[in-house]
PDB file of N, CA and C in Angstrom:
ATOM      1  N   MET A   1     -24.004  28.357  26.435  1.00  0.00           N
ATOM      2  CA  MET A   1     -24.500  27.015  26.201  1.00  0.00           C
ATOM      3  C   MET A   1     -23.461  26.180  25.468  1.00  0.00           C
ATOM      4  N   ASP A   2     -23.552  24.906  25.643  1.00  0.00           N
ATOM      5  CA  ASP A   2     -22.618  23.997  24.987  1.00  0.00           C
ATOM      6  C   ASP A   2     -23.091  23.728  23.566  1.00  0.00           C
ATOM      7  N   ARG A   3     -22.258  24.085  22.596  1.00  0.00           N
ATOM      8  CA  ARG A   3     -22.642  23.923  21.191  1.00  0.00           C
ATOM      9  C   ARG A   3     -22.333  22.525  20.664  1.00  0.00           C
ATOM     10  N   THR A   4     -21.629  21.699  21.444  1.00  0.00           N
ATOM     11  CA  THR A   4     -21.250  20.379  20.946  1.00  0.00           C
ATOM     12  C   THR A   4     -22.462  19.475  20.758  1.00  0.00           C
ATOM     13  N   SER A   5     -23.579  19.774  21.427  1.00  0.00           N
ATOM     14  CA  SER A   5     -24.751  18.914  21.283  1.00  0.00           C
ATOM     15  C   SER A   5     -25.346  19.017  19.882  1.00  0.00           C
ATOM     16  N   SER A   6     -25.161  20.168  19.218  1.00  0.00           N
ATOM     17  CA  SER A   6     -25.703  20.333  17.874  1.00  0.00           C
ATOM     18  C   SER A   6     -24.758  19.818  16.799  1.00  0.00           C
ATOM     19  N   ARG A   7     -23.539  19.496  17.175  1.00  0.00           N
ATOM     20  CA  ARG A   7     -22.561  19.011  16.199  1.00  0.00           C
ATOM     21  C   ARG A   7     -22.619  17.498  16.108  1.00  0.00           C
ATOM     22  N   ARG A   8     -22.135  16.986  14.974  1.00  0.00           N
ATOM     23  CA  ARG A   8     -22.091  15.534  14.810  1.00  0.00           C
ATOM     24  C   ARG A   8     -20.957  14.965  15.660  1.00  0.00           C
ATOM     25  N   PRO A   9     -21.124  13.726  16.144  1.00  0.00           N
ATOM     26  CA  PRO A   9     -20.021  13.074  16.865  1.00  0.00           C
ATOM     27  C   PRO A   9     -18.826  12.871  15.942  1.00  0.00           C
ATOM     28  N   TRP A  10     -17.660  12.666  16.526  1.00  0.00           N
ATOM     29  CA  TRP A  10     -16.424  12.553  15.745  1.00  0.00           C
ATOM     30  C   TRP A  10     -16.443  11.353  14.822  1.00  0.00           C
ATOM     31  N   TRP A  11     -17.189  10.323  15.146  1.00  0.00           N
ATOM     32  CA  TRP A  11     -17.139   9.077  14.375  1.00  0.00           C
ATOM     33  C   TRP A  11     -18.067   9.084  13.176  1.00  0.00           C
ATOM     34  N   VAL A  12     -18.832  10.144  12.967  1.00  0.00           N
ATOM     35  CA  VAL A  12     -19.779  10.156  11.846  1.00  0.00           C
ATOM     36  C   VAL A  12     -19.054  10.183  10.513  1.00  0.00           C
ATOM     37  N   TRP A  13     -18.052  11.062  10.365  1.00  0.00           N
ATOM     38  CA  TRP A  13     -17.373  11.183   9.068  1.00  0.00           C
ATOM     39  C   TRP A  13     -16.586   9.932   8.694  1.00  0.00           C
ATOM     40  N   PRO A  14     -15.837   9.302   9.638  1.00  0.00           N
ATOM     41  CA  PRO A  14     -15.210   8.019   9.258  1.00  0.00           C
ATOM     42  C   PRO A  14     -16.233   6.959   8.865  1.00  0.00           C
ATOM     43  N   LEU A  15     -17.382   6.947   9.519  1.00  0.00           N
ATOM     44  CA  LEU A  15     -18.428   5.986   9.169  1.00  0.00           C
ATOM     45  C   LEU A  15     -18.961   6.256   7.765  1.00  0.00           C
ATOM     46  N   VAL A  16     -19.208   7.523   7.450  1.00  0.00           N
ATOM     47  CA  VAL A  16     -19.674   7.884   6.111  1.00  0.00           C
ATOM     48  C   VAL A  16     -18.638   7.486   5.071  1.00  0.00           C
ATOM     49  N   PHE A  17     -17.369   7.743   5.366  1.00  0.00           N
ATOM     50  CA  PHE A  17     -16.290   7.401   4.443  1.00  0.00           C
ATOM     51  C   PHE A  17     -16.236   5.894   4.200  1.00  0.00           C
ATOM     52  N   CYS A  18     -16.303   5.105   5.271  1.00  0.00           N
ATOM     53  CA  CYS A  18     -16.233   3.647   5.126  1.00  0.00           C
ATOM     54  C   CYS A  18     -17.437   3.111   4.353  1.00  0.00           C
ATOM     55  N   VAL A  19     -18.618   3.648   4.615  1.00  0.00           N
ATOM     56  CA  VAL A  19     -19.806   3.215   3.880  1.00  0.00           C
ATOM     57  C   VAL A  19     -19.672   3.578   2.408  1.00  0.00           C
ATOM     58  N   LEU A  20     -19.168   4.777   2.124  1.00  0.00           N
ATOM     59  CA  LEU A  20     -18.977   5.196   0.736  1.00  0.00           C
ATOM     60  C   LEU A  20     -18.001   4.275   0.011  1.00  0.00           C
ATOM     61  N   VAL A  21     -16.888   3.926   0.665  1.00  0.00           N
ATOM     62  CA  VAL A  21     -15.914   3.022   0.054  1.00  0.00           C
ATOM     63  C   VAL A  21     -16.531   1.642  -0.159  1.00  0.00           C
ATOM     64  N   ALA A  22     -17.278   1.149   0.830  1.00  0.00           N
ATOM     65  CA  ALA A  22     -17.904  -0.169   0.694  1.00  0.00           C
ATOM     66  C   ALA A  22     -18.902  -0.191  -0.459  1.00  0.00           C
ATOM     67  N   VAL A  23     -19.687   0.869  -0.605  1.00  0.00           N
ATOM     68  CA  VAL A  23     -20.652   0.934  -1.707  1.00  0.00           C
ATOM     69  C   VAL A  23     -19.927   0.958  -3.046  1.00  0.00           C
ATOM     70  N   MET A  24     -18.844   1.725  -3.129  1.00  0.00           N
ATOM     71  CA  MET A  24     -18.101   1.786  -4.393  1.00  0.00           C
ATOM     72  C   MET A  24     -17.487   0.434  -4.736  1.00  0.00           C
ATOM     73  N   VAL A  25     -16.990  -0.283  -3.721  1.00  0.00           N
ATOM     74  CA  VAL A  25     -16.407  -1.602  -3.979  1.00  0.00           C
ATOM     75  C   VAL A  25     -17.492  -2.577  -4.423  1.00  0.00           C
ATOM     76  N   LEU A  26     -18.631  -2.554  -3.734  1.00  0.00           N
ATOM     77  CA  LEU A  26     -19.712  -3.470  -4.098  1.00  0.00           C
ATOM     78  C   LEU A  26     -20.271  -3.174  -5.482  1.00  0.00           C
ATOM     79  N   LEU A  27     -20.226  -1.936  -5.890  1.00  0.00           N
ATOM     80  CA  LEU A  27     -20.717  -1.575  -7.220  1.00  0.00           C
ATOM     81  C   LEU A  27     -19.620  -1.630  -8.274  1.00  0.00           C
ATOM     82  N   ASP A  28     -18.452  -2.127  -7.902  1.00  0.00           N
ATOM     83  CA  ASP A  28     -17.301  -2.199  -8.805  1.00  0.00           C
ATOM     84  C   ASP A  28     -16.995  -0.834  -9.429  1.00  0.00           C
ATOM     85  N   ALA A  29     -16.971   0.181  -8.594  1.00  0.00           N
ATOM     86  CA  ALA A  29     -16.667   1.528  -9.085  1.00  0.00           C
ATOM     87  C   ALA A  29     -15.248   1.554  -9.635  1.00  0.00           C
ATOM     88  N   ALA A  30     -15.078   2.266 -10.716  1.00  0.00           N
ATOM     89  CA  ALA A  30     -13.769   2.334 -11.375  1.00  0.00           C
ATOM     90  C   ALA A  30     -12.788   3.111 -10.501  1.00  0.00           C
ATOM     91  N   TRP A  31     -11.501   2.783 -10.656  1.00  0.00           N
ATOM     92  CA  TRP A  31     -10.461   3.453  -9.872  1.00  0.00           C
ATOM     93  C   TRP A  31     -10.407   4.937 -10.181  1.00  0.00           C
ATOM     94  N   TYR A  32     -10.732   5.308 -11.404  1.00  0.00           N
ATOM     95  CA  TYR A  32     -10.679   6.733 -11.729  1.00  0.00           C
ATOM     96  C   TYR A  32     -11.781   7.522 -11.024  1.00  0.00           C
ATOM     97  N   VAL A  33     -12.740   6.832 -10.434  1.00  0.00           N
ATOM     98  CA  VAL A  33     -13.744   7.488  -9.599  1.00  0.00           C
ATOM     99  C   VAL A  33     -13.349   7.393  -8.130  1.00  0.00           C
ATOM    100  N   ALA A  34     -12.871   6.216  -7.723  1.00  0.00           N
ATOM    101  CA  ALA A  34     -12.586   5.984  -6.312  1.00  0.00           C
ATOM    102  C   ALA A  34     -11.382   6.783  -5.824  1.00  0.00           C
ATOM    103  N   VAL A  35     -10.315   6.823  -6.619  1.00  0.00           N
ATOM    104  CA  VAL A  35      -9.086   7.481  -6.170  1.00  0.00           C
ATOM    105  C   VAL A  35      -9.287   8.972  -5.909  1.00  0.00           C
ATOM    106  N   PRO A  36      -9.912   9.740  -6.811  1.00  0.00           N
ATOM    107  CA  PRO A  36     -10.130  11.164  -6.493  1.00  0.00           C
ATOM    108  C   PRO A  36     -11.021  11.380  -5.273  1.00  0.00           C
ATOM    109  N   ILE A  37     -11.997  10.498  -5.065  1.00  0.00           N
ATOM    110  CA  ILE A  37     -12.856  10.643  -3.892  1.00  0.00           C
ATOM    111  C   ILE A  37     -12.059  10.396  -2.621  1.00  0.00           C
ATOM    112  N   VAL A  38     -11.239   9.348  -2.603  1.00  0.00           N
ATOM    113  CA  VAL A  38     -10.407   9.068  -1.434  1.00  0.00           C
ATOM    114  C   VAL A  38      -9.437  10.219  -1.196  1.00  0.00           C
ATOM    115  N   PHE A  39      -8.849  10.750  -2.263  1.00  0.00           N
ATOM    116  CA  PHE A  39      -7.929  11.877  -2.130  1.00  0.00           C
ATOM    117  C   PHE A  39      -8.648  13.097  -1.552  1.00  0.00           C
ATOM    118  N   ALA A  40      -9.832  13.399  -2.063  1.00  0.00           N
ATOM    119  CA  ALA A  40     -10.578  14.566  -1.588  1.00  0.00           C
ATOM    120  C   ALA A  40     -10.984  14.409  -0.123  1.00  0.00           C
ATOM    121  N   VAL A  41     -11.403  13.207   0.253  1.00  0.00           N
ATOM    122  CA  VAL A  41     -11.781  12.973   1.644  1.00  0.00           C
ATOM    123  C   VAL A  41     -10.568  13.100   2.553  1.00  0.00           C
ATOM    124  N   SER A  42      -9.410  12.595   2.115  1.00  0.00           N
ATOM    125  CA  SER A  42      -8.194  12.702   2.912  1.00  0.00           C
ATOM    126  C   SER A  42      -7.786  14.159   3.102  1.00  0.00           C
ATOM    127  N   VAL A  43      -7.828  14.935   2.020  1.00  0.00           N
ATOM    128  CA  VAL A  43      -7.479  16.353   2.113  1.00  0.00           C
ATOM    129  C   VAL A  43      -8.474  17.079   3.015  1.00  0.00           C
ATOM    130  N   GLY A  44      -9.746  16.768   2.878  1.00  0.00           N
ATOM    131  CA  GLY A  44     -10.754  17.387   3.730  1.00  0.00           C
ATOM    132  C   GLY A  44     -10.563  17.045   5.190  1.00  0.00           C
ATOM    133  N   PHE A  45     -10.194  15.789   5.473  1.00  0.00           N
ATOM    134  CA  PHE A  45      -9.945  15.397   6.855  1.00  0.00           C
ATOM    135  C   PHE A  45      -8.750  16.142   7.422  1.00  0.00           C
ATOM    136  N   GLU A  46      -7.662  16.236   6.646  1.00  0.00           N
ATOM    137  CA  GLU A  46      -6.482  16.963   7.114  1.00  0.00           C
ATOM    138  C   GLU A  46      -6.814  18.424   7.384  1.00  0.00           C
ATOM    139  N   TRP A  47      -7.596  19.036   6.514  1.00  0.00           N
ATOM    140  CA  TRP A  47      -7.984  20.432   6.694  1.00  0.00           C
ATOM    141  C   TRP A  47      -8.819  20.596   7.964  1.00  0.00           C
ATOM    142  N   ALA A  48      -9.792  19.694   8.168  1.00  0.00           N
ATOM    143  CA  ALA A  48     -10.645  19.770   9.353  1.00  0.00           C
ATOM    144  C   ALA A  48      -9.842  19.513  10.620  1.00  0.00           C
ATOM    145  N   TRP A  49      -8.906  18.560  10.568  1.00  0.00           N
ATOM    146  CA  TRP A  49      -8.082  18.267  11.736  1.00  0.00           C
ATOM    147  C   TRP A  49      -7.185  19.456  12.066  1.00  0.00           C
ATOM    148  N   ASP A  50      -6.660  20.134  11.043  1.00  0.00           N
ATOM    149  CA  ASP A  50      -5.826  21.311  11.260  1.00  0.00           C
ATOM    150  C   ASP A  50      -6.639  22.420  11.924  1.00  0.00           C
ATOM    151  N   ARG A  51      -7.862  22.626  11.464  1.00  0.00           N
ATOM    152  CA  ARG A  51      -8.726  23.634  12.099  1.00  0.00           C
ATOM    153  C   ARG A  51      -9.010  23.262  13.543  1.00  0.00           C
ATOM    154  N   TYR A  52      -9.280  21.983  13.793  1.00  0.00           N
ATOM    155  CA  TYR A  52      -9.560  21.519  15.151  1.00  0.00           C
ATOM    156  C   TYR A  52      -8.350  21.734  16.056  1.00  0.00           C
ATOM    157  N   ALA A  53      -7.164  21.381  15.549  1.00  0.00           N
ATOM    158  CA  ALA A  53      -5.947  21.540  16.348  1.00  0.00           C
ATOM    159  C   ALA A  53      -5.662  23.013  16.621  1.00  0.00           C
ATOM    160  N   ASN A  54      -5.871  23.869  15.626  1.00  0.00           N
ATOM    161  CA  ASN A  54      -5.657  25.300  15.831  1.00  0.00           C
ATOM    162  C   ASN A  54      -6.636  25.855  16.860  1.00  0.00           C
ATOM    163  N   ARG A  55      -7.875  25.398  16.816  1.00  0.00           N
ATOM    164  CA  ARG A  55      -8.857  25.856  17.793  1.00  0.00           C
ATOM    165  C   ARG A  55      -8.482  25.403  19.196  1.00  0.00           C
ATOM    166  N   ARG A  56      -8.014  24.146  19.309  1.00  0.00           N
ATOM    167  CA  ARG A  56      -7.597  23.642  20.620  1.00  0.00           C
ATOM    168  C   ARG A  56      -6.409  24.421  21.160  1.00  0.00           C
ATOM    169  N   SER A  57      -5.428  24.728  20.284  1.00  0.00           N
ATOM    170  CA  SER A  57      -4.252  25.462  20.748  1.00  0.00           C
ATOM    171  C   SER A  57      -4.616  26.900  21.099  1.00  0.00           C
ATOM    172  N   ALA A  58      -5.605  27.472  20.421  1.00  0.00           N
ATOM    173  CA  ALA A  58      -6.031  28.837  20.742  1.00  0.00           C
ATOM    174  C   ALA A  58      -6.754  28.875  22.084  1.00  0.00           C
ATOM    175  N   GLN A  59      -7.397  27.786  22.451  1.00  0.00           N
ATOM    176  CA  GLN A  59      -8.103  27.740  23.729  1.00  0.00           C
ATOM    177  C   GLN A  59      -7.152  27.561  24.898  1.00  0.00           C
ATOM    178  N   SER A  60      -6.002  26.941  24.661  1.00  0.00           N
ATOM    179  CA  SER A  60      -5.058  26.717  25.748  1.00  0.00           C
ATOM    180  C   SER A  60      -4.396  28.033  26.121  1.00  0.00           C
ATOM    181  N   HIS A  61      -4.096  28.192  27.380  1.00  0.00           N
ATOM    182  CA  HIS A  61      -3.474  29.417  27.862  1.00  0.00           C
ATOM    183  C   HIS A  61      -2.014  29.130  28.162  1.00  0.00           C
ATOM    184  N   GLY A  62      -1.126  29.913  27.544  1.00  0.00           N
ATOM    185  CA  GLY A  62       0.290  29.774  27.873  1.00  0.00           C
ATOM    186  C   GLY A  62       1.076  28.942  26.892  1.00  0.00           C
ATOM    187  N   GLY A  63       0.668  28.837  25.653  1.00  0.00           N
ATOM    188  CA  GLY A  63       1.482  28.157  24.648  1.00  0.00           C
ATOM    189  C   GLY A  63       1.227  26.678  24.574  1.00  0.00           C
ATOM    190  N   ASN A  64       2.128  26.002  23.881  1.00  0.00           N
ATOM    191  CA  ASN A  64       1.959  24.578  23.607  1.00  0.00           C
ATOM    192  C   ASN A  64       2.667  23.676  24.598  1.00  0.00           C
ATOM    193  N   GLY A  65       3.321  24.254  25.597  1.00  0.00           N
ATOM    194  CA  GLY A  65       3.995  23.420  26.573  1.00  0.00           C
ATOM    195  C   GLY A  65       5.459  23.236  26.240  1.00  0.00           C
ATOM    196  N   PRO A  66       6.189  22.523  27.083  1.00  0.00           N
ATOM    197  CA  PRO A  66       7.632  22.330  26.861  1.00  0.00           C
ATOM    198  C   PRO A  66       7.903  21.470  25.642  1.00  0.00           C
ATOM    199  N   GLY A  67       8.890  21.873  24.877  1.00  0.00           N
ATOM    200  CA  GLY A  67       9.285  21.099  23.710  1.00  0.00           C
ATOM    201  C   GLY A  67       8.475  21.398  22.480  1.00  0.00           C
ATOM    202  N   GLY A  68       7.383  22.104  22.613  1.00  0.00           N
ATOM    203  CA  GLY A  68       6.581  22.445  21.450  1.00  0.00           C
ATOM    204  C   GLY A  68       7.091  23.704  20.787  1.00  0.00           C
ATOM    205  N   HIS A  69       6.570  23.973  19.581  1.00  0.00           N
ATOM    206  CA  HIS A  69       6.965  25.226  18.929  1.00  0.00           C
ATOM    207  C   HIS A  69       5.832  25.827  18.163  1.00  0.00           C
TER     208      HIS A  69
END
């Protein structure tokens, strides 16, 4: 069965991030709160993207193609 139907669409996390930033701006959240949250979200996105890319490369048969390493 296709498991993608139970997963959230790709645009959910950017939407959550933008709403969170907008709420913090509207509430005049201090930079010492906003900066660590933005940093944590960025690191989390990079980690998730790395997992996604590794999964995609593991699904491909025969390596990454010409010029890749």
